[in-house]
């Protein structure tokens, strides 16, 4: 059975680009810094997008103390 690739909205794609071009286990603040180089988004907006991407199985979240660490589950290609 062929895997269906889901097209992401531009803002979610920007978050994924931050994760793909960053390092494993990025914090929300690191993702925010990367995304805000292109366009200014509120921290709550980025957090919402990260949650949506986790629900779509594009991102994994690991809790370390009080900090969430985000990593891409899918590759850019």
PDB file of N, CA and C in Angstrom:
ATOM      1  N   UNK A   1       0.829  -1.176   0.000  1.00  0.00           N
ATOM      2  CA  UNK A   1       0.000   0.000   0.000  1.00  0.00           C
ATOM      3  C   UNK A   1       0.883   1.252   0.000  1.00  0.00           C
ATOM      4  N   UNK A   2       0.539   2.203  -0.831  1.00  0.00           N
ATOM      5  CA  UNK A   2       1.328   3.417  -0.982  1.00  0.00           C
ATOM      6  C   UNK A   2       1.008   4.395   0.146  1.00  0.00           C
ATOM      7  N   UNK A   3       2.051   5.015   0.703  1.00  0.00           N
ATOM      8  CA  UNK A   3       1.869   6.007   1.746  1.00  0.00           C
ATOM      9  C   UNK A   3       1.447   7.325   1.123  1.00  0.00           C
ATOM     10  N   UNK A   4       0.427   7.938   1.684  1.00  0.00           N
ATOM     11  CA  UNK A   4      -0.060   9.209   1.181  1.00  0.00           C
ATOM     12  C   UNK A   4       0.653  10.339   1.917  1.00  0.00           C
ATOM     13  N   UNK A   5       1.244  11.252   1.168  1.00  0.00           N
ATOM     14  CA  UNK A   5       1.930  12.395   1.762  1.00  0.00           C
ATOM     15  C   UNK A   5       0.933  13.529   1.926  1.00  0.00           C
ATOM     16  N   UNK A   6       0.885  14.073   3.120  1.00  0.00           N
ATOM     17  CA  UNK A   6      -0.037  15.146   3.437  1.00  0.00           C
ATOM     18  C   UNK A   6       0.641  16.492   3.162  1.00  0.00           C
ATOM     19  N   UNK A   7      -0.051  17.379   2.471  1.00  0.00           N
ATOM     20  CA  UNK A   7       0.484  18.718   2.215  1.00  0.00           C
ATOM     21  C   UNK A   7       0.234  19.590   3.435  1.00  0.00           C
ATOM     22  N   UNK A   8       1.270  20.275   3.865  1.00  0.00           N
ATOM     23  CA  UNK A   8       1.177  21.116   5.052  1.00  0.00           C
ATOM     24  C   UNK A   8       0.906  22.570   4.668  1.00  0.00           C
ATOM     25  N   UNK A   9       0.155  23.286   5.499  1.00  0.00           N
ATOM     26  CA  UNK A   9       0.020  24.734   5.294  1.00  0.00           C
ATOM     27  C   UNK A   9       1.393  25.402   5.404  1.00  0.00           C
ATOM     28  N   UNK A  10       1.550  26.565   4.796  1.00  0.00           N
ATOM     29  CA  UNK A  10       2.851  27.246   4.758  1.00  0.00           C
ATOM     30  C   UNK A  10       3.449  27.490   6.142  1.00  0.00           C
ATOM     31  N   UNK A  11       2.632  27.893   7.093  1.00  0.00           N
ATOM     32  CA  UNK A  11       3.160  28.175   8.435  1.00  0.00           C
ATOM     33  C   UNK A  11       3.683  26.907   9.109  1.00  0.00           C
ATOM     34  N   UNK A  12       2.960  25.807   8.950  1.00  0.00           N
ATOM     35  CA  UNK A  12       3.429  24.536   9.517  1.00  0.00           C
ATOM     36  C   UNK A  12       4.683  24.067   8.794  1.00  0.00           C
ATOM     37  N   UNK A  13       4.749  24.331   7.499  1.00  0.00           N
ATOM     38  CA  UNK A  13       5.951  23.974   6.735  1.00  0.00           C
ATOM     39  C   UNK A  13       7.153  24.772   7.235  1.00  0.00           C
ATOM     40  N   UNK A  14       6.951  26.033   7.583  1.00  0.00           N
ATOM     41  CA  UNK A  14       8.040  26.845   8.141  1.00  0.00           C
ATOM     42  C   UNK A  14       8.567  26.238   9.441  1.00  0.00           C
ATOM     43  N   UNK A  15       7.671  25.730  10.273  1.00  0.00           N
ATOM     44  CA  UNK A  15       8.081  25.083  11.527  1.00  0.00           C
ATOM     45  C   UNK A  15       8.870  23.813  11.219  1.00  0.00           C
ATOM     46  N   UNK A  16       8.393  23.036  10.247  1.00  0.00           N
ATOM     47  CA  UNK A  16       9.112  21.810   9.870  1.00  0.00           C
ATOM     48  C   UNK A  16      10.493  22.151   9.310  1.00  0.00           C
ATOM     49  N   UNK A  17      10.598  23.219   8.521  1.00  0.00           N
ATOM     50  CA  UNK A  17      11.903  23.629   7.989  1.00  0.00           C
ATOM     51  C   UNK A  17      12.862  23.981   9.117  1.00  0.00           C
ATOM     52  N   UNK A  18      12.339  24.619  10.156  1.00  0.00           N
ATOM     53  CA  UNK A  18      13.177  24.936  11.318  1.00  0.00           C
ATOM     54  C   UNK A  18      13.709  23.661  11.954  1.00  0.00           C
ATOM     55  N   UNK A  19      12.841  22.653  12.089  1.00  0.00           N
ATOM     56  CA  UNK A  19      13.263  21.390  12.699  1.00  0.00           C
ATOM     57  C   UNK A  19      14.225  20.628  11.801  1.00  0.00           C
ATOM     58  N   UNK A  20      13.973  20.615  10.495  1.00  0.00           N
ATOM     59  CA  UNK A  20      14.865  19.913   9.564  1.00  0.00           C
ATOM     60  C   UNK A  20      16.240  20.574   9.482  1.00  0.00           C
ATOM     61  N   UNK A  21      16.281  21.904   9.556  1.00  0.00           N
ATOM     62  CA  UNK A  21      17.546  22.627   9.417  1.00  0.00           C
ATOM     63  C   UNK A  21      18.235  22.877  10.748  1.00  0.00           C
ATOM     64  N   UNK A  22      17.555  22.585  11.831  1.00  0.00           N
ATOM     65  CA  UNK A  22      18.137  22.780  13.154  1.00  0.00           C
ATOM     66  C   UNK A  22      18.851  21.532  13.625  1.00  0.00           C
ATOM     67  N   UNK A  23      18.794  21.301  14.904  1.00  0.00           N
ATOM     68  CA  UNK A  23      19.425  20.123  15.501  1.00  0.00           C
ATOM     69  C   UNK A  23      18.337  19.271  16.142  1.00  0.00           C
ATOM     70  N   UNK A  24      18.628  18.022  16.447  1.00  0.00           N
ATOM     71  CA  UNK A  24      17.623  17.193  17.134  1.00  0.00           C
ATOM     72  C   UNK A  24      17.270  17.799  18.493  1.00  0.00           C
ATOM     73  N   UNK A  25      16.048  17.590  18.909  1.00  0.00           N
ATOM     74  CA  UNK A  25      15.582  18.048  20.218  1.00  0.00           C
ATOM     75  C   UNK A  25      15.666  19.569  20.380  1.00  0.00           C
ATOM     76  N   UNK A  26      14.959  20.290  19.511  1.00  0.00           N
ATOM     77  CA  UNK A  26      14.912  21.754  19.595  1.00  0.00           C
ATOM     78  C   UNK A  26      13.806  22.187  20.553  1.00  0.00           C
ATOM     79  N   UNK A  27      14.046  23.264  21.266  1.00  0.00           N
ATOM     80  CA  UNK A  27      13.016  23.834  22.135  1.00  0.00           C
ATOM     81  C   UNK A  27      12.075  24.697  21.298  1.00  0.00           C
ATOM     82  N   UNK A  28      10.925  25.048  21.886  1.00  0.00           N
ATOM     83  CA  UNK A  28       9.996  25.931  21.185  1.00  0.00           C
ATOM     84  C   UNK A  28      10.644  27.272  20.879  1.00  0.00           C
ATOM     85  N   UNK A  29      11.459  27.770  21.791  1.00  0.00           N
ATOM     86  CA  UNK A  29      12.130  29.052  21.592  1.00  0.00           C
ATOM     87  C   UNK A  29      13.097  29.004  20.408  1.00  0.00           C
ATOM     88  N   UNK A  30      13.822  27.903  20.259  1.00  0.00           N
ATOM     89  CA  UNK A  30      14.740  27.753  19.119  1.00  0.00           C
ATOM     90  C   UNK A  30      13.965  27.701  17.805  1.00  0.00           C
ATOM     91  N   UNK A  31      12.848  26.986  17.801  1.00  0.00           N
ATOM     92  CA  UNK A  31      12.001  26.930  16.608  1.00  0.00           C
ATOM     93  C   UNK A  31      11.461  28.321  16.303  1.00  0.00           C
ATOM     94  N   UNK A  32      11.013  29.008  17.339  1.00  0.00           N
ATOM     95  CA  UNK A  32      10.471  30.362  17.188  1.00  0.00           C
ATOM     96  C   UNK A  32      11.515  31.311  16.596  1.00  0.00           C
ATOM     97  N   UNK A  33      12.745  31.269  17.086  1.00  0.00           N
ATOM     98  CA  UNK A  33      13.810  32.129  16.565  1.00  0.00           C
ATOM     99  C   UNK A  33      14.026  31.896  15.078  1.00  0.00           C
ATOM    100  N   UNK A  34      14.015  30.632  14.662  1.00  0.00           N
ATOM    101  CA  UNK A  34      14.218  30.296  13.251  1.00  0.00           C
ATOM    102  C   UNK A  34      13.052  30.804  12.400  1.00  0.00           C
ATOM    103  N   UNK A  35      11.829  30.524  12.831  1.00  0.00           N
ATOM    104  CA  UNK A  35      10.635  30.906  12.065  1.00  0.00           C
ATOM    105  C   UNK A  35      10.518  32.426  11.975  1.00  0.00           C
ATOM    106  N   UNK A  36      10.832  33.127  13.060  1.00  0.00           N
ATOM    107  CA  UNK A  36      10.676  34.581  13.083  1.00  0.00           C
ATOM    108  C   UNK A  36      11.703  35.321  12.237  1.00  0.00           C
ATOM    109  N   UNK A  37      12.682  34.621  11.690  1.00  0.00           N
ATOM    110  CA  UNK A  37      13.587  35.241  10.719  1.00  0.00           C
ATOM    111  C   UNK A  37      12.837  35.536   9.429  1.00  0.00           C
ATOM    112  N   UNK A  38      11.826  34.734   9.135  1.00  0.00           N
ATOM    113  CA  UNK A  38      11.043  34.875   7.906  1.00  0.00           C
ATOM    114  C   UNK A  38       9.792  35.718   8.132  1.00  0.00           C
ATOM    115  N   UNK A  39       9.049  35.395   9.180  1.00  0.00           N
ATOM    116  CA  UNK A  39       7.847  36.164   9.525  1.00  0.00           C
ATOM    117  C   UNK A  39       7.624  36.087  11.018  1.00  0.00           C
ATOM    118  N   UNK A  40       7.028  37.141  11.560  1.00  0.00           N
ATOM    119  CA  UNK A  40       6.833  37.256  13.008  1.00  0.00           C
ATOM    120  C   UNK A  40       5.561  36.529  13.442  1.00  0.00           C
ATOM    121  N   UNK A  41       5.718  35.497  14.249  1.00  0.00           N
ATOM    122  CA  UNK A  41       4.582  34.754  14.785  1.00  0.00           C
ATOM    123  C   UNK A  41       4.654  34.753  16.308  1.00  0.00           C
ATOM    124  N   UNK A  42       3.499  34.782  16.937  1.00  0.00           N
ATOM    125  CA  UNK A  42       3.433  34.766  18.404  1.00  0.00           C
ATOM    126  C   UNK A  42       3.873  33.404  18.927  1.00  0.00           C
ATOM    127  N   UNK A  43       4.459  33.364  20.123  1.00  0.00           N
ATOM    128  CA  UNK A  43       4.875  32.084  20.715  1.00  0.00           C
ATOM    129  C   UNK A  43       3.721  31.085  20.824  1.00  0.00           C
ATOM    130  N   UNK A  44       2.519  31.569  21.144  1.00  0.00           N
ATOM    131  CA  UNK A  44       1.378  30.656  21.260  1.00  0.00           C
ATOM    132  C   UNK A  44       0.997  30.055  19.908  1.00  0.00           C
ATOM    133  N   UNK A  45       1.190  30.822  18.841  1.00  0.00           N
ATOM    134  CA  UNK A  45       0.900  30.319  17.492  1.00  0.00           C
ATOM    135  C   UNK A  45       1.873  29.196  17.133  1.00  0.00           C
ATOM    136  N   UNK A  46       3.143  29.395  17.430  1.00  0.00           N
ATOM    137  CA  UNK A  46       4.145  28.372  17.133  1.00  0.00           C
ATOM    138  C   UNK A  46       3.885  27.124  17.980  1.00  0.00           C
ATOM    139  N   UNK A  47       3.522  27.309  19.225  1.00  0.00           N
ATOM    140  CA  UNK A  47       3.200  26.179  20.089  1.00  0.00           C
ATOM    141  C   UNK A  47       1.995  25.411  19.548  1.00  0.00           C
ATOM    142  N   UNK A  48       0.998  26.129  19.059  1.00  0.00           N
ATOM    143  CA  UNK A  48      -0.183  25.474  18.469  1.00  0.00           C
ATOM    144  C   UNK A  48       0.203  24.669  17.237  1.00  0.00           C
ATOM    145  N   UNK A  49       1.075  25.233  16.404  1.00  0.00           N
ATOM    146  CA  UNK A  49       1.515  24.522  15.195  1.00  0.00           C
ATOM    147  C   UNK A  49       2.317  23.280  15.556  1.00  0.00           C
ATOM    148  N   UNK A  50       3.173  23.376  16.568  1.00  0.00           N
ATOM    149  CA  UNK A  50       3.944  22.216  17.006  1.00  0.00           C
ATOM    150  C   UNK A  50       3.018  21.117  17.509  1.00  0.00           C
ATOM    151  N   UNK A  51       1.970  21.499  18.225  1.00  0.00           N
ATOM    152  CA  UNK A  51       0.991  20.526  18.721  1.00  0.00           C
ATOM    153  C   UNK A  51       0.248  19.869  17.560  1.00  0.00           C
ATOM    154  N   UNK A  52      -0.153  20.684  16.572  1.00  0.00           N
ATOM    155  CA  UNK A  52      -0.839  20.124  15.395  1.00  0.00           C
ATOM    156  C   UNK A  52       0.069  19.169  14.637  1.00  0.00           C
ATOM    157  N   UNK A  53       1.346  19.542  14.498  1.00  0.00           N
ATOM    158  CA  UNK A  53       2.294  18.680  13.794  1.00  0.00           C
ATOM    159  C   UNK A  53       2.535  17.384  14.563  1.00  0.00           C
ATOM    160  N   UNK A  54       2.510  17.457  15.876  1.00  0.00           N
ATOM    161  CA  UNK A  54       2.637  16.237  16.687  1.00  0.00           C
ATOM    162  C   UNK A  54       1.419  15.335  16.459  1.00  0.00           C
ATOM    163  N   UNK A  55       0.224  15.926  16.425  1.00  0.00           N
ATOM    164  CA  UNK A  55      -1.002  15.160  16.198  1.00  0.00           C
ATOM    165  C   UNK A  55      -1.034  14.525  14.809  1.00  0.00           C
ATOM    166  N   UNK A  56      -0.362  15.155  13.843  1.00  0.00           N
ATOM    167  CA  UNK A  56      -0.291  14.621  12.473  1.00  0.00           C
ATOM    168  C   UNK A  56       0.872  13.636  12.318  1.00  0.00           C
ATOM    169  N   UNK A  57       1.613  13.391  13.403  1.00  0.00           N
ATOM    170  CA  UNK A  57       2.781  12.490  13.406  1.00  0.00           C
ATOM    171  C   UNK A  57       3.924  12.984  12.530  1.00  0.00           C
ATOM    172  N   UNK A  58       4.098  14.316  12.461  1.00  0.00           N
ATOM    173  CA  UNK A  58       5.239  14.900  11.767  1.00  0.00           C
ATOM    174  C   UNK A  58       6.359  15.213  12.759  1.00  0.00           C
ATOM    175  N   UNK A  59       5.985  15.382  14.041  1.00  0.00           N
ATOM    176  CA  UNK A  59       6.922  15.822  15.069  1.00  0.00           C
ATOM    177  C   UNK A  59       6.769  14.924  16.295  1.00  0.00           C
ATOM    178  N   UNK A  60       7.901  14.631  16.938  1.00  0.00           N
ATOM    179  CA  UNK A  60       7.846  13.927  18.221  1.00  0.00           C
ATOM    180  C   UNK A  60       8.251  14.913  19.323  1.00  0.00           C
ATOM    181  N   UNK A  61       7.694  14.699  20.502  1.00  0.00           N
ATOM    182  CA  UNK A  61       7.957  15.590  21.632  1.00  0.00           C
ATOM    183  C   UNK A  61       8.500  14.756  22.778  1.00  0.00           C
ATOM    184  N   UNK A  62       9.584  15.263  23.361  1.00  0.00           N
ATOM    185  CA  UNK A  62      10.194  14.609  24.522  1.00  0.00           C
ATOM    186  C   UNK A  62      10.250  15.644  25.643  1.00  0.00           C
ATOM    187  N   UNK A  63       9.788  15.254  26.802  1.00  0.00           N
ATOM    188  CA  UNK A  63       9.765  16.156  27.953  1.00  0.00           C
ATOM    189  C   UNK A  63      11.073  16.027  28.718  1.00  0.00           C
ATOM    190  N   UNK A  64      11.734  17.168  28.973  1.00  0.00           N
ATOM    191  CA  UNK A  64      12.965  17.186  29.761  1.00  0.00           C
ATOM    192  C   UNK A  64      12.821  18.275  30.821  1.00  0.00           C
ATOM    193  N   UNK A  65      12.503  17.864  32.028  1.00  0.00           N
ATOM    194  CA  UNK A  65      12.208  18.840  33.083  1.00  0.00           C
ATOM    195  C   UNK A  65      10.921  19.561  32.745  1.00  0.00           C
ATOM    196  N   UNK A  66      10.986  20.893  32.661  1.00  0.00           N
ATOM    197  CA  UNK A  66       9.816  21.688  32.300  1.00  0.00           C
ATOM    198  C   UNK A  66       9.813  22.061  30.820  1.00  0.00           C
ATOM    199  N   UNK A  67      10.752  21.534  30.060  1.00  0.00           N
ATOM    200  CA  UNK A  67      10.922  21.909  28.663  1.00  0.00           C
ATOM    201  C   UNK A  67      10.521  20.771  27.741  1.00  0.00           C
ATOM    202  N   UNK A  68       9.808  21.118  26.681  1.00  0.00           N
ATOM    203  CA  UNK A  68       9.510  20.157  25.623  1.00  0.00           C
ATOM    204  C   UNK A  68      10.572  20.266  24.540  1.00  0.00           C
ATOM    205  N   UNK A  69      11.054  19.128  24.069  1.00  0.00           N
ATOM    206  CA  UNK A  69      12.040  19.075  23.003  1.00  0.00           C
ATOM    207  C   UNK A  69      11.385  18.452  21.776  1.00  0.00           C
ATOM    208  N   UNK A  70      11.478  19.147  20.649  1.00  0.00           N
ATOM    209  CA  UNK A  70      10.794  18.730  19.426  1.00  0.00           C
ATOM    210  C   UNK A  70      11.793  18.216  18.400  1.00  0.00           C
ATOM    211  N   UNK A  71      11.433  17.120  17.736  1.00  0.00           N
ATOM    212  CA  UNK A  71      12.253  16.524  16.680  1.00  0.00           C
ATOM    213  C   UNK A  71      11.335  16.116  15.532  1.00  0.00           C
ATOM    214  N   UNK A  72      11.837  16.241  14.294  1.00  0.00           N
ATOM    215  CA  UNK A  72      11.022  15.819  13.157  1.00  0.00           C
ATOM    216  C   UNK A  72      10.941  14.295  13.107  1.00  0.00           C
ATOM    217  N   UNK A  73       9.771  13.774  12.748  1.00  0.00           N
ATOM    218  CA  UNK A  73       9.575  12.342  12.592  1.00  0.00           C
ATOM    219  C   UNK A  73       9.748  11.963  11.116  1.00  0.00           C
ATOM    220  N   UNK A  74       9.346  12.867  10.235  1.00  0.00           N
ATOM    221  CA  UNK A  74       9.456  12.627   8.793  1.00  0.00           C
ATOM    222  C   UNK A  74      10.671  13.391   8.253  1.00  0.00           C
ATOM    223  N   UNK A  75      11.236  12.870   7.182  1.00  0.00           N
ATOM    224  CA  UNK A  75      12.379  13.544   6.558  1.00  0.00           C
ATOM    225  C   UNK A  75      11.882  14.621   5.589  1.00  0.00           C
ATOM    226  N   UNK A  76      12.755  15.513   5.251  1.00  0.00           N
ATOM    227  CA  UNK A  76      12.385  16.591   4.335  1.00  0.00           C
ATOM    228  C   UNK A  76      12.093  16.070   2.935  1.00  0.00           C
ATOM    229  N   UNK A  77      12.807  15.046   2.526  1.00  0.00           N
ATOM    230  CA  UNK A  77      12.575  14.494   1.182  1.00  0.00           C
ATOM    231  C   UNK A  77      11.310  13.681   1.183  1.00  0.00           C
TER     232      UNK A  77
END
